[in-house]
Amino acid sequence: MYCAFFEIPLLIFTQRRLYHSMGLAAGLIVCILVAANMADTIDVAVDLDEKSAKAYLQKKSSLRYLVICGALLAVQFLKLGNPLTYIAGIMGLKIGAYLQPFTHKVTEKIIHKEGETSDG
C-alpha cells in the first residue's frame, strides 16, 4: 500500500516511469529483506545471554546498514533505478514500524468481533 502511494504519481507525472519504478521496487525488495532479517535476528537474540545478544544485534544491524547502502550505490552507479525512489521504498520500513500499533489495534478488534459472532 505504501509503495502504491508513490507509484501512482510516478506513473502519472513522470517521463521516465520505468526508471523511477525500478528504484522504488528495489527499495521495496531491500525493505522486505531487511524486515525479515530483523525478525530473524530478534528470534535468535532472545535465546542468547545479554552480552552475546548485544554483540549479535550490533553485528546484524551493521550488516543491514551495509546492505542498504550497498544497494543504494548499486542503484545509483549501475543506473538500476532512481536513488530517490529507492530511498522512498526503504522508508516503507519506518512507516510500517510507526503504523504497527495502529494496525495491531485494528486487527485485534476485527479478530475479537469475529470471535463473538462465531460463538453466538
PDB file of N, CA and C in Angstrom:
ATOM      1  N   MET A   1       0.824  -1.190   0.000  1.00  0.00           N
ATOM      2  CA  MET A   1       0.000   0.000   0.000  1.00  0.00           C
ATOM      3  C   MET A   1       0.878   1.268   0.000  1.00  0.00           C
ATOM      4  N   TYR A   2       1.914   1.215   0.816  1.00  0.00           N
ATOM      5  CA  TYR A   2       2.801   2.369   0.928  1.00  0.00           C
ATOM      6  C   TYR A   2       3.432   2.710  -0.421  1.00  0.00           C
ATOM      7  N   CYS A   3       3.954   1.701  -1.108  1.00  0.00           N
ATOM      8  CA  CYS A   3       4.616   1.961  -2.395  1.00  0.00           C
ATOM      9  C   CYS A   3       3.624   2.398  -3.460  1.00  0.00           C
ATOM     10  N   ALA A   4       2.382   1.951  -3.371  1.00  0.00           N
ATOM     11  CA  ALA A   4       1.365   2.392  -4.327  1.00  0.00           C
ATOM     12  C   ALA A   4       1.133   3.896  -4.194  1.00  0.00           C
ATOM     13  N   PHE A   5       1.260   4.399  -2.970  1.00  0.00           N
ATOM     14  CA  PHE A   5       1.121   5.831  -2.714  1.00  0.00           C
ATOM     15  C   PHE A   5       2.147   6.619  -3.527  1.00  0.00           C
ATOM     16  N   PHE A   6       3.345   6.061  -3.703  1.00  0.00           N
ATOM     17  CA  PHE A   6       4.381   6.714  -4.503  1.00  0.00           C
ATOM     18  C   PHE A   6       4.302   6.327  -5.972  1.00  0.00           C
ATOM     19  N   GLU A   7       3.930   5.085  -6.248  1.00  0.00           N
ATOM     20  CA  GLU A   7       3.945   4.582  -7.624  1.00  0.00           C
ATOM     21  C   GLU A   7       2.937   5.293  -8.516  1.00  0.00           C
ATOM     22  N   ILE A   8       1.752   5.528  -8.022  1.00  0.00           N
ATOM     23  CA  ILE A   8       0.714   6.145  -8.848  1.00  0.00           C
ATOM     24  C   ILE A   8       1.136   7.525  -9.357  1.00  0.00           C
ATOM     25  N   PRO A   9       1.611   8.431  -8.493  1.00  0.00           N
ATOM     26  CA  PRO A   9       2.076   9.721  -9.043  1.00  0.00           C
ATOM     27  C   PRO A   9       3.277   9.581  -9.985  1.00  0.00           C
ATOM     28  N   LEU A  10       4.158   8.602  -9.707  1.00  0.00           N
ATOM     29  CA  LEU A  10       5.291   8.390 -10.608  1.00  0.00           C
ATOM     30  C   LEU A  10       4.814   8.010 -12.004  1.00  0.00           C
ATOM     31  N   LEU A  11       3.818   7.168 -12.066  1.00  0.00           N
ATOM     32  CA  LEU A  11       3.293   6.735 -13.366  1.00  0.00           C
ATOM     33  C   LEU A  11       2.537   7.848 -14.086  1.00  0.00           C
ATOM     34  N   ILE A  12       1.909   8.720 -13.327  1.00  0.00           N
ATOM     35  CA  ILE A  12       1.108   9.782 -13.933  1.00  0.00           C
ATOM     36  C   ILE A  12       1.958  10.986 -14.336  1.00  0.00           C
ATOM     37  N   PHE A  13       2.865  11.408 -13.459  1.00  0.00           N
ATOM     38  CA  PHE A  13       3.522  12.700 -13.635  1.00  0.00           C
ATOM     39  C   PHE A  13       4.970  12.665 -14.119  1.00  0.00           C
ATOM     40  N   THR A  14       5.560  11.502 -14.315  1.00  0.00           N
ATOM     41  CA  THR A  14       6.970  11.489 -14.719  1.00  0.00           C
ATOM     42  C   THR A  14       7.133  10.957 -16.136  1.00  0.00           C
ATOM     43  N   GLN A  15       8.258  11.299 -16.727  1.00  0.00           N
ATOM     44  CA  GLN A  15       8.570  10.840 -18.074  1.00  0.00           C
ATOM     45  C   GLN A  15       9.271   9.476 -18.058  1.00  0.00           C
ATOM     46  N   ARG A  16      10.198   9.291 -17.138  1.00  0.00           N
ATOM     47  CA  ARG A  16      10.988   8.052 -17.069  1.00  0.00           C
ATOM     48  C   ARG A  16      10.348   7.102 -16.050  1.00  0.00           C
ATOM     49  N   ARG A  17       9.187   6.604 -16.392  1.00  0.00           N
ATOM     50  CA  ARG A  17       8.386   5.803 -15.468  1.00  0.00           C
ATOM     51  C   ARG A  17       9.111   4.543 -14.997  1.00  0.00           C
ATOM     52  N   LEU A  18       9.703   3.818 -15.915  1.00  0.00           N
ATOM     53  CA  LEU A  18      10.373   2.569 -15.558  1.00  0.00           C
ATOM     54  C   LEU A  18      11.563   2.837 -14.642  1.00  0.00           C
ATOM     55  N   TYR A  19      12.323   3.863 -14.933  1.00  0.00           N
ATOM     56  CA  TYR A  19      13.492   4.227 -14.125  1.00  0.00           C
ATOM     57  C   TYR A  19      13.083   4.517 -12.683  1.00  0.00           C
ATOM     58  N   HIS A  20      12.044   5.308 -12.501  1.00  0.00           N
ATOM     59  CA  HIS A  20      11.575   5.643 -11.156  1.00  0.00           C
ATOM     60  C   HIS A  20      10.952   4.426 -10.475  1.00  0.00           C
ATOM     61  N   SER A  21      10.179   3.657 -11.214  1.00  0.00           N
ATOM     62  CA  SER A  21       9.527   2.480 -10.645  1.00  0.00           C
ATOM     63  C   SER A  21      10.541   1.419 -10.226  1.00  0.00           C
ATOM     64  N   MET A  22      11.615   1.283 -10.992  1.00  0.00           N
ATOM     65  CA  MET A  22      12.654   0.310 -10.643  1.00  0.00           C
ATOM     66  C   MET A  22      13.360   0.703  -9.343  1.00  0.00           C
ATOM     67  N   GLY A  23      13.587   1.977  -9.146  1.00  0.00           N
ATOM     68  CA  GLY A  23      14.177   2.430  -7.890  1.00  0.00           C
ATOM     69  C   GLY A  23      13.266   2.126  -6.719  1.00  0.00           C
ATOM     70  N   LEU A  24      11.978   2.402  -6.889  1.00  0.00           N
ATOM     71  CA  LEU A  24      11.003   2.124  -5.834  1.00  0.00           C
ATOM     72  C   LEU A  24      10.919   0.629  -5.555  1.00  0.00           C
ATOM     73  N   ALA A  25      10.909  -0.174  -6.609  1.00  0.00           N
ATOM     74  CA  ALA A  25      10.841  -1.631  -6.444  1.00  0.00           C
ATOM     75  C   ALA A  25      12.094  -2.158  -5.742  1.00  0.00           C
ATOM     76  N   ALA A  26      13.255  -1.627  -6.094  1.00  0.00           N
ATOM     77  CA  ALA A  26      14.494  -2.045  -5.432  1.00  0.00           C
ATOM     78  C   ALA A  26      14.440  -1.697  -3.944  1.00  0.00           C
ATOM     79  N   GLY A  27      13.944  -0.519  -3.628  1.00  0.00           N
ATOM     80  CA  GLY A  27      13.803  -0.130  -2.221  1.00  0.00           C
ATOM     81  C   GLY A  27      12.834  -1.025  -1.475  1.00  0.00           C
ATOM     82  N   LEU A  28      11.749  -1.394  -2.128  1.00  0.00           N
ATOM     83  CA  LEU A  28      10.762  -2.276  -1.511  1.00  0.00           C
ATOM     84  C   LEU A  28      11.345  -3.662  -1.257  1.00  0.00           C
ATOM     85  N   ILE A  29      12.090  -4.181  -2.218  1.00  0.00           N
ATOM     86  CA  ILE A  29      12.704  -5.503  -2.053  1.00  0.00           C
ATOM     87  C   ILE A  29      13.703  -5.491  -0.900  1.00  0.00           C
ATOM     88  N   VAL A  30      14.556  -4.483  -0.857  1.00  0.00           N
ATOM     89  CA  VAL A  30      15.527  -4.379   0.235  1.00  0.00           C
ATOM     90  C   VAL A  30      14.802  -4.194   1.569  1.00  0.00           C
ATOM     91  N   CYS A  31      13.734  -3.415   1.561  1.00  0.00           N
ATOM     92  CA  CYS A  31      12.933  -3.195   2.770  1.00  0.00           C
ATOM     93  C   CYS A  31      12.388  -4.523   3.305  1.00  0.00           C
ATOM     94  N   ILE A  32      11.863  -5.359   2.432  1.00  0.00           N
ATOM     95  CA  ILE A  32      11.315  -6.654   2.837  1.00  0.00           C
ATOM     96  C   ILE A  32      12.428  -7.553   3.384  1.00  0.00           C
ATOM     97  N   LEU A  33      13.570  -7.564   2.705  1.00  0.00           N
ATOM     98  CA  LEU A  33      14.692  -8.384   3.171  1.00  0.00           C
ATOM     99  C   LEU A  33      15.202  -7.918   4.531  1.00  0.00           C
ATOM    100  N   VAL A  34      15.274  -6.617   4.716  1.00  0.00           N
ATOM    101  CA  VAL A  34      15.728  -6.062   5.991  1.00  0.00           C
ATOM    102  C   VAL A  34      14.740  -6.410   7.109  1.00  0.00           C
ATOM    103  N   ALA A  35      13.458  -6.299   6.837  1.00  0.00           N
ATOM    104  CA  ALA A  35      12.450  -6.630   7.851  1.00  0.00           C
ATOM    105  C   ALA A  35      12.527  -8.107   8.229  1.00  0.00           C
ATOM    106  N   ALA A  36      12.694  -8.978   7.240  1.00  0.00           N
ATOM    107  CA  ALA A  36      12.818 -10.410   7.521  1.00  0.00           C
ATOM    108  C   ALA A  36      14.070 -10.687   8.336  1.00  0.00           C
ATOM    109  N   ASN A  37      15.170 -10.007   7.997  1.00  0.00           N
ATOM    110  CA  ASN A  37      16.407 -10.187   8.747  1.00  0.00           C
ATOM    111  C   ASN A  37      16.263  -9.687  10.176  1.00  0.00           C
ATOM    112  N   MET A  38      15.557  -8.585  10.368  1.00  0.00           N
ATOM    113  CA  MET A  38      15.323  -8.072  11.727  1.00  0.00           C
ATOM    114  C   MET A  38      14.557  -9.087  12.567  1.00  0.00           C
ATOM    115  N   ALA A  39      13.515  -9.652  11.991  1.00  0.00           N
ATOM    116  CA  ALA A  39      12.706 -10.636  12.715  1.00  0.00           C
ATOM    117  C   ALA A  39      13.543 -11.859  13.071  1.00  0.00           C
ATOM    118  N   ASP A  40      14.345 -12.339  12.131  1.00  0.00           N
ATOM    119  CA  ASP A  40      15.198 -13.494  12.385  1.00  0.00           C
ATOM    120  C   ASP A  40      16.243 -13.172  13.454  1.00  0.00           C
ATOM    121  N   THR A  41      16.813 -11.986  13.374  1.00  0.00           N
ATOM    122  CA  THR A  41      17.822 -11.566  14.343  1.00  0.00           C
ATOM    123  C   THR A  41      17.245 -11.532  15.759  1.00  0.00           C
ATOM    124  N   ILE A  42      16.058 -11.009  15.893  1.00  0.00           N
ATOM    125  CA  ILE A  42      15.425 -10.945  17.214  1.00  0.00           C
ATOM    126  C   ILE A  42      15.126 -12.347  17.740  1.00  0.00           C
ATOM    127  N   ASP A  43      14.639 -13.222  16.854  1.00  0.00           N
ATOM    128  CA  ASP A  43      14.365 -14.600  17.273  1.00  0.00           C
ATOM    129  C   ASP A  43      15.611 -15.289  17.804  1.00  0.00           C
ATOM    130  N   VAL A  44      16.749 -15.065  17.173  1.00  0.00           N
ATOM    131  CA  VAL A  44      17.992 -15.683  17.617  1.00  0.00           C
ATOM    132  C   VAL A  44      18.494 -15.015  18.895  1.00  0.00           C
ATOM    133  N   ALA A  45      18.413 -13.686  18.956  1.00  0.00           N
ATOM    134  CA  ALA A  45      18.989 -12.935  20.077  1.00  0.00           C
ATOM    135  C   ALA A  45      18.295 -13.218  21.409  1.00  0.00           C
ATOM    136  N   VAL A  46      17.003 -13.526  21.384  1.00  0.00           N
ATOM    137  CA  VAL A  46      16.310 -13.754  22.657  1.00  0.00           C
ATOM    138  C   VAL A  46      16.799 -15.013  23.366  1.00  0.00           C
ATOM    139  N   ASP A  47      17.437 -15.911  22.630  1.00  0.00           N
ATOM    140  CA  ASP A  47      17.950 -17.138  23.232  1.00  0.00           C
ATOM    141  C   ASP A  47      19.388 -17.006  23.718  1.00  0.00           C
ATOM    142  N   LEU A  48      20.009 -15.858  23.504  1.00  0.00           N
ATOM    143  CA  LEU A  48      21.404 -15.639  23.902  1.00  0.00           C
ATOM    144  C   LEU A  48      21.465 -14.904  25.235  1.00  0.00           C
ATOM    145  N   ASP A  49      22.625 -14.996  25.893  1.00  0.00           N
ATOM    146  CA  ASP A  49      22.827 -14.195  27.099  1.00  0.00           C
ATOM    147  C   ASP A  49      22.981 -12.737  26.687  1.00  0.00           C
ATOM    148  N   GLU A  50      22.909 -11.846  27.658  1.00  0.00           N
ATOM    149  CA  GLU A  50      22.844 -10.405  27.364  1.00  0.00           C
ATOM    150  C   GLU A  50      24.042  -9.902  26.569  1.00  0.00           C
ATOM    151  N   LYS A  51      25.240 -10.287  26.964  1.00  0.00           N
ATOM    152  CA  LYS A  51      26.445  -9.800  26.274  1.00  0.00           C
ATOM    153  C   LYS A  51      26.496 -10.333  24.839  1.00  0.00           C
ATOM    154  N   SER A  52      26.232 -11.602  24.663  1.00  0.00           N
ATOM    155  CA  SER A  52      26.246 -12.196  23.319  1.00  0.00           C
ATOM    156  C   SER A  52      25.141 -11.617  22.447  1.00  0.00           C
ATOM    157  N   ALA A  53      23.977 -11.401  23.046  1.00  0.00           N
ATOM    158  CA  ALA A  53      22.849 -10.845  22.287  1.00  0.00           C
ATOM    159  C   ALA A  53      23.180  -9.440  21.805  1.00  0.00           C
ATOM    160  N   LYS A  54      23.780  -8.647  22.661  1.00  0.00           N
ATOM    161  CA  LYS A  54      24.138  -7.277  22.275  1.00  0.00           C
ATOM    162  C   LYS A  54      25.126  -7.289  21.115  1.00  0.00           C
ATOM    163  N   ALA A  55      26.153  -8.124  21.189  1.00  0.00           N
ATOM    164  CA  ALA A  55      27.143  -8.207  20.112  1.00  0.00           C
ATOM    165  C   ALA A  55      26.496  -8.716  18.822  1.00  0.00           C
ATOM    166  N   TYR A  56      25.632  -9.708  18.953  1.00  0.00           N
ATOM    167  CA  TYR A  56      24.953 -10.275  17.782  1.00  0.00           C
ATOM    168  C   TYR A  56      24.054  -9.237  17.112  1.00  0.00           C
ATOM    169  N   LEU A  57      23.296  -8.489  17.919  1.00  0.00           N
ATOM    170  CA  LEU A  57      22.408  -7.459  17.378  1.00  0.00           C
ATOM    171  C   LEU A  57      23.195  -6.353  16.688  1.00  0.00           C
ATOM    172  N   GLN A  58      24.318  -5.950  17.276  1.00  0.00           N
ATOM    173  CA  GLN A  58      25.143  -4.913  16.657  1.00  0.00           C
ATOM    174  C   GLN A  58      25.728  -5.383  15.331  1.00  0.00           C
ATOM    175  N   LYS A  59      26.174  -6.636  15.298  1.00  0.00           N
ATOM    176  CA  LYS A  59      26.732  -7.186  14.068  1.00  0.00           C
ATOM    177  C   LYS A  59      25.675  -7.232  12.968  1.00  0.00           C
ATOM    178  N   LYS A  60      24.490  -7.734  13.290  1.00  0.00           N
ATOM    179  CA  LYS A  60      23.422  -7.849  12.300  1.00  0.00           C
ATOM    180  C   LYS A  60      22.920  -6.481  11.854  1.00  0.00           C
ATOM    181  N   SER A  61      22.856  -5.532  12.778  1.00  0.00           N
ATOM    182  CA  SER A  61      22.431  -4.175  12.435  1.00  0.00           C
ATOM    183  C   SER A  61      23.422  -3.528  11.472  1.00  0.00           C
ATOM    184  N   SER A  62      24.699  -3.711  11.737  1.00  0.00           N
ATOM    185  CA  SER A  62      25.738  -3.171  10.845  1.00  0.00           C
ATOM    186  C   SER A  62      25.651  -3.811   9.462  1.00  0.00           C
ATOM    187  N   LEU A  63      25.401  -5.107   9.425  1.00  0.00           N
ATOM    188  CA  LEU A  63      25.262  -5.801   8.155  1.00  0.00           C
ATOM    189  C   LEU A  63      24.075  -5.261   7.358  1.00  0.00           C
ATOM    190  N   ARG A  64      22.945  -5.037   8.028  1.00  0.00           N
ATOM    191  CA  ARG A  64      21.770  -4.476   7.349  1.00  0.00           C
ATOM    192  C   ARG A  64      22.076  -3.088   6.798  1.00  0.00           C
ATOM    193  N   TYR A  65      22.765  -2.282   7.578  1.00  0.00           N
ATOM    194  CA  TYR A  65      23.136  -0.936   7.140  1.00  0.00           C
ATOM    195  C   TYR A  65      24.017  -0.999   5.892  1.00  0.00           C
ATOM    196  N   LEU A  66      24.973  -1.911   5.880  1.00  0.00           N
ATOM    197  CA  LEU A  66      25.847  -2.061   4.718  1.00  0.00           C
ATOM    198  C   LEU A  66      25.070  -2.529   3.491  1.00  0.00           C
ATOM    199  N   VAL A  67      24.114  -3.425   3.675  1.00  0.00           N
ATOM    200  CA  VAL A  67      23.302  -3.902   2.554  1.00  0.00           C
ATOM    201  C   VAL A  67      22.471  -2.757   1.979  1.00  0.00           C
ATOM    202  N   ILE A  68      21.861  -1.963   2.856  1.00  0.00           N
ATOM    203  CA  ILE A  68      21.049  -0.826   2.398  1.00  0.00           C
ATOM    204  C   ILE A  68      21.921   0.167   1.622  1.00  0.00           C
ATOM    205  N   CYS A  69      23.082   0.495   2.164  1.00  0.00           N
ATOM    206  CA  CYS A  69      23.981   1.445   1.489  1.00  0.00           C
ATOM    207  C   CYS A  69      24.556   0.854   0.207  1.00  0.00           C
ATOM    208  N   GLY A  70      24.914  -0.431   0.234  1.00  0.00           N
ATOM    209  CA  GLY A  70      25.438  -1.081  -0.955  1.00  0.00           C
ATOM    210  C   GLY A  70      24.412  -1.121  -2.080  1.00  0.00           C
ATOM    211  N   ALA A  71      23.171  -1.423  -1.714  1.00  0.00           N
ATOM    212  CA  ALA A  71      22.111  -1.441  -2.724  1.00  0.00           C
ATOM    213  C   ALA A  71      21.872  -0.037  -3.283  1.00  0.00           C
ATOM    214  N   LEU A  72      21.959   0.969  -2.430  1.00  0.00           N
ATOM    215  CA  LEU A  72      21.813   2.350  -2.907  1.00  0.00           C
ATOM    216  C   LEU A  72      22.911   2.694  -3.905  1.00  0.00           C
ATOM    217  N   LEU A  73      24.141   2.307  -3.590  1.00  0.00           N
ATOM    218  CA  LEU A  73      25.246   2.562  -4.516  1.00  0.00           C
ATOM    219  C   LEU A  73      25.051   1.805  -5.828  1.00  0.00           C
ATOM    220  N   ALA A  74      24.559   0.578  -5.745  1.00  0.00           N
ATOM    221  CA  ALA A  74      24.305  -0.207  -6.959  1.00  0.00           C
ATOM    222  C   ALA A  74      23.228   0.451  -7.810  1.00  0.00           C
ATOM    223  N   VAL A  75      22.163   0.910  -7.161  1.00  0.00           N
ATOM    224  CA  VAL A  75      21.084   1.582  -7.887  1.00  0.00           C
ATOM    225  C   VAL A  75      21.629   2.846  -8.550  1.00  0.00           C
ATOM    226  N   GLN A  76      22.458   3.583  -7.847  1.00  0.00           N
ATOM    227  CA  GLN A  76      22.996   4.838  -8.368  1.00  0.00           C
ATOM    228  C   GLN A  76      23.975   4.620  -9.513  1.00  0.00           C
ATOM    229  N   PHE A  77      24.992   3.803  -9.281  1.00  0.00           N
ATOM    230  CA  PHE A  77      26.084   3.707 -10.250  1.00  0.00           C
ATOM    231  C   PHE A  77      25.805   2.748 -11.402  1.00  0.00           C
ATOM    232  N   LEU A  78      24.953   1.775 -11.192  1.00  0.00           N
ATOM    233  CA  LEU A  78      24.598   0.857 -12.281  1.00  0.00           C
ATOM    234  C   LEU A  78      23.347   1.320 -13.016  1.00  0.00           C
ATOM    235  N   LYS A  79      22.818   2.466 -12.596  1.00  0.00           N
ATOM    236  CA  LYS A  79      21.621   3.052 -13.215  1.00  0.00           C
ATOM    237  C   LYS A  79      20.449   2.060 -13.233  1.00  0.00           C
ATOM    238  N   LEU A  80      20.273   1.356 -12.098  1.00  0.00           N
ATOM    239  CA  LEU A  80      19.191   0.377 -11.982  1.00  0.00           C
ATOM    240  C   LEU A  80      17.853   1.026 -11.673  1.00  0.00           C
ATOM    241  N   GLY A  81      17.879   2.257 -11.268  1.00  0.00           N
ATOM    242  CA  GLY A  81      16.663   2.978 -10.929  1.00  0.00           C
ATOM    243  C   GLY A  81      17.015   4.308 -10.289  1.00  0.00           C
ATOM    244  N   ASN A  82      15.984   5.037  -9.918  1.00  0.00           N
ATOM    245  CA  ASN A  82      16.162   6.340  -9.295  1.00  0.00           C
ATOM    246  C   ASN A  82      16.535   6.146  -7.825  1.00  0.00           C
ATOM    247  N   PRO A  83      17.679   6.679  -7.388  1.00  0.00           N
ATOM    248  CA  PRO A  83      18.082   6.525  -5.995  1.00  0.00           C
ATOM    249  C   PRO A  83      17.099   7.169  -5.006  1.00  0.00           C
ATOM    250  N   LEU A  84      16.444   8.249  -5.420  1.00  0.00           N
ATOM    251  CA  LEU A  84      15.483   8.881  -4.513  1.00  0.00           C
ATOM    252  C   LEU A  84      14.249   8.012  -4.296  1.00  0.00           C
ATOM    253  N   THR A  85      13.786   7.358  -5.352  1.00  0.00           N
ATOM    254  CA  THR A  85      12.640   6.470  -5.164  1.00  0.00           C
ATOM    255  C   THR A  85      13.069   5.202  -4.426  1.00  0.00           C
ATOM    256  N   TYR A  86      14.334   4.801  -4.567  1.00  0.00           N
ATOM    257  CA  TYR A  86      14.870   3.690  -3.771  1.00  0.00           C
ATOM    258  C   TYR A  86      14.765   4.026  -2.284  1.00  0.00           C
ATOM    259  N   ILE A  87      15.185   5.235  -1.926  1.00  0.00           N
ATOM    260  CA  ILE A  87      15.121   5.665  -0.523  1.00  0.00           C
ATOM    261  C   ILE A  87      13.668   5.727  -0.059  1.00  0.00           C
ATOM    262  N   ALA A  88      12.774   6.178  -0.928  1.00  0.00           N
ATOM    263  CA  ALA A  88      11.351   6.194  -0.581  1.00  0.00           C
ATOM    264  C   ALA A  88      10.855   4.776  -0.303  1.00  0.00           C
ATOM    265  N   GLY A  89      11.312   3.802  -1.083  1.00  0.00           N
ATOM    266  CA  GLY A  89      10.933   2.413  -0.845  1.00  0.00           C
ATOM    267  C   GLY A  89      11.470   1.897   0.476  1.00  0.00           C
ATOM    268  N   ILE A  90      12.700   2.248   0.798  1.00  0.00           N
ATOM    269  CA  ILE A  90      13.302   1.841   2.077  1.00  0.00           C
ATOM    270  C   ILE A  90      12.537   2.453   3.252  1.00  0.00           C
ATOM    271  N   MET A  91      12.062   3.674   3.097  1.00  0.00           N
ATOM    272  CA  MET A  91      11.340   4.342   4.174  1.00  0.00           C
ATOM    273  C   MET A  91      10.021   3.631   4.519  1.00  0.00           C
ATOM    274  N   GLY A  92       9.580   2.734   3.654  1.00  0.00           N
ATOM    275  CA  GLY A  92       8.394   1.937   3.960  1.00  0.00           C
ATOM    276  C   GLY A  92       8.565   1.149   5.246  1.00  0.00           C
ATOM    277  N   LEU A  93       9.791   0.777   5.553  1.00  0.00           N
ATOM    278  CA  LEU A  93      10.072   0.067   6.802  1.00  0.00           C
ATOM    279  C   LEU A  93       9.768   0.957   8.007  1.00  0.00           C
ATOM    280  N   LYS A  94      10.138   2.206   7.930  1.00  0.00           N
ATOM    281  CA  LYS A  94       9.853   3.149   9.019  1.00  0.00           C
ATOM    282  C   LYS A  94       8.353   3.403   9.143  1.00  0.00           C
ATOM    283  N   ILE A  95       7.704   3.610   8.015  1.00  0.00           N
ATOM    284  CA  ILE A  95       6.260   3.852   8.033  1.00  0.00           C
ATOM    285  C   ILE A  95       5.538   2.655   8.646  1.00  0.00           C
ATOM    286  N   GLY A  96       5.956   1.458   8.246  1.00  0.00           N
ATOM    287  CA  GLY A  96       5.350   0.245   8.802  1.00  0.00           C
ATOM    288  C   GLY A  96       5.559   0.141  10.304  1.00  0.00           C
ATOM    289  N   ALA A  97       6.731   0.524  10.770  1.00  0.00           N
ATOM    290  CA  ALA A  97       7.010   0.478  12.211  1.00  0.00           C
ATOM    291  C   ALA A  97       6.142   1.477  12.973  1.00  0.00           C
ATOM    292  N   TYR A  98       5.950   2.653  12.398  1.00  0.00           N
ATOM    293  CA  TYR A  98       5.119   3.651  13.063  1.00  0.00           C
ATOM    294  C   TYR A  98       3.641   3.272  13.039  1.00  0.00           C
ATOM    295  N   LEU A  99       3.204   2.602  11.983  1.00  0.00           N
ATOM    296  CA  LEU A  99       1.791   2.217  11.865  1.00  0.00           C
ATOM    297  C   LEU A  99       1.458   0.920  12.600  1.00  0.00           C
ATOM    298  N   GLN A 100       2.460   0.168  13.029  1.00  0.00           N
ATOM    299  CA  GLN A 100       2.223  -1.128  13.640  1.00  0.00           C
ATOM    300  C   GLN A 100       1.288  -1.071  14.849  1.00  0.00           C
ATOM    301  N   PRO A 101       1.440  -0.144  15.789  1.00  0.00           N
ATOM    302  CA  PRO A 101       0.493  -0.125  16.908  1.00  0.00           C
ATOM    303  C   PRO A 101      -0.955   0.092  16.459  1.00  0.00           C
ATOM    304  N   PHE A 102      -1.140   0.949  15.476  1.00  0.00           N
ATOM    305  CA  PHE A 102      -2.479   1.207  14.962  1.00  0.00           C
ATOM    306  C   PHE A 102      -3.058  -0.027  14.269  1.00  0.00           C
ATOM    307  N   THR A 103      -2.266  -0.633  13.384  1.00  0.00           N
ATOM    308  CA  THR A 103      -2.767  -1.813  12.670  1.00  0.00           C
ATOM    309  C   THR A 103      -2.988  -2.985  13.627  1.00  0.00           C
ATOM    310  N   HIS A 104      -2.154  -3.086  14.656  1.00  0.00           N
ATOM    311  CA  HIS A 104      -2.348  -4.141  15.653  1.00  0.00           C
ATOM    312  C   HIS A 104      -3.672  -3.951  16.388  1.00  0.00           C
ATOM    313  N   LYS A 105      -3.967  -2.714  16.757  1.00  0.00           N
ATOM    314  CA  LYS A 105      -5.218  -2.420  17.453  1.00  0.00           C
ATOM    315  C   LYS A 105      -6.426  -2.737  16.568  1.00  0.00           C
ATOM    316  N   VAL A 106      -6.345  -2.361  15.303  1.00  0.00           N
ATOM    317  CA  VAL A 106      -7.456  -2.606  14.371  1.00  0.00           C
ATOM    318  C   VAL A 106      -7.660  -4.104  14.158  1.00  0.00           C
ATOM    319  N   THR A 107      -6.566  -4.832  13.928  1.00  0.00           N
ATOM    320  CA  THR A 107      -6.708  -6.270  13.700  1.00  0.00           C
ATOM    321  C   THR A 107      -7.202  -6.993  14.938  1.00  0.00           C
ATOM    322  N   GLU A 108      -6.793  -6.543  16.109  1.00  0.00           N
ATOM    323  CA  GLU A 108      -7.293  -7.149  17.347  1.00  0.00           C
ATOM    324  C   GLU A 108      -8.800  -6.938  17.490  1.00  0.00           C
ATOM    325  N   LYS A 109      -9.294  -5.753  17.140  1.00  0.00           N
ATOM    326  CA  LYS A 109     -10.736  -5.502  17.185  1.00  0.00           C
ATOM    327  C   LYS A 109     -11.477  -6.383  16.196  1.00  0.00           C
ATOM    328  N   ILE A 110     -10.925  -6.535  15.003  1.00  0.00           N
ATOM    329  CA  ILE A 110     -11.565  -7.372  13.987  1.00  0.00           C
ATOM    330  C   ILE A 110     -11.592  -8.827  14.444  1.00  0.00           C
ATOM    331  N   ILE A 111     -10.488  -9.309  14.950  1.00  0.00           N
ATOM    332  CA  ILE A 111     -10.429 -10.698  15.421  1.00  0.00           C
ATOM    333  C   ILE A 111     -11.377 -10.900  16.592  1.00  0.00           C
ATOM    334  N   HIS A 112     -11.445  -9.924  17.492  1.00  0.00           N
ATOM    335  CA  HIS A 112     -12.325 -10.026  18.654  1.00  0.00           C
ATOM    336  C   HIS A 112     -13.794 -10.064  18.214  1.00  0.00           C
ATOM    337  N   LYS A 113     -14.170  -9.228  17.241  1.00  0.00           N
ATOM    338  CA  LYS A 113     -15.543  -9.215  16.731  1.00  0.00           C
ATOM    339  C   LYS A 113     -15.890 -10.527  16.042  1.00  0.00           C
ATOM    340  N   GLU A 114     -14.972 -11.059  15.253  1.00  0.00           N
ATOM    341  CA  GLU A 114     -15.224 -12.329  14.566  1.00  0.00           C
ATOM    342  C   GLU A 114     -15.391 -13.461  15.580  1.00  0.00           C
ATOM    343  N   GLY A 115     -14.648 -13.411  16.668  1.00  0.00           N
ATOM    344  CA  GLY A 115     -14.777 -14.425  17.725  1.00  0.00           C
ATOM    345  C   GLY A 115     -16.136 -14.364  18.385  1.00  0.00           C
ATOM    346  N   GLU A 116     -16.687 -13.159  18.573  1.00  0.00           N
ATOM    347  CA  GLU A 116     -18.006 -13.010  19.197  1.00  0.00           C
ATOM    348  C   GLU A 116     -19.115 -13.522  18.280  1.00  0.00           C
ATOM    349  N   THR A 117     -19.041 -13.210  16.991  1.00  0.00           N
ATOM    350  CA  THR A 117     -20.117 -13.601  16.070  1.00  0.00           C
ATOM    351  C   THR A 117     -20.125 -15.094  15.803  1.00  0.00           C
ATOM    352  N   SER A 118     -18.963 -15.742  15.808  1.00  0.00           N
ATOM    353  CA  SER A 118     -18.950 -17.181  15.545  1.00  0.00           C
ATOM    354  C   SER A 118     -19.423 -17.977  16.751  1.00  0.00           C
ATOM    355  N   ASP A 119     -19.332 -17.429  17.961  1.00  0.00           N
ATOM    356  CA  ASP A 119     -19.801 -18.131  19.168  1.00  0.00           C
ATOM    357  C   ASP A 119     -21.296 -17.957  19.381  1.00  0.00           C
ATOM    358  N   GLY A 120     -21.848 -16.832  19.012  1.00  0.00           N
ATOM    359  CA  GLY A 120     -23.205 -16.532  19.389  1.00  0.00           C
ATOM    360  C   GLY A 120     -24.152 -16.599  18.281  1.00  0.00           C
TER     361      GLY A 120
END
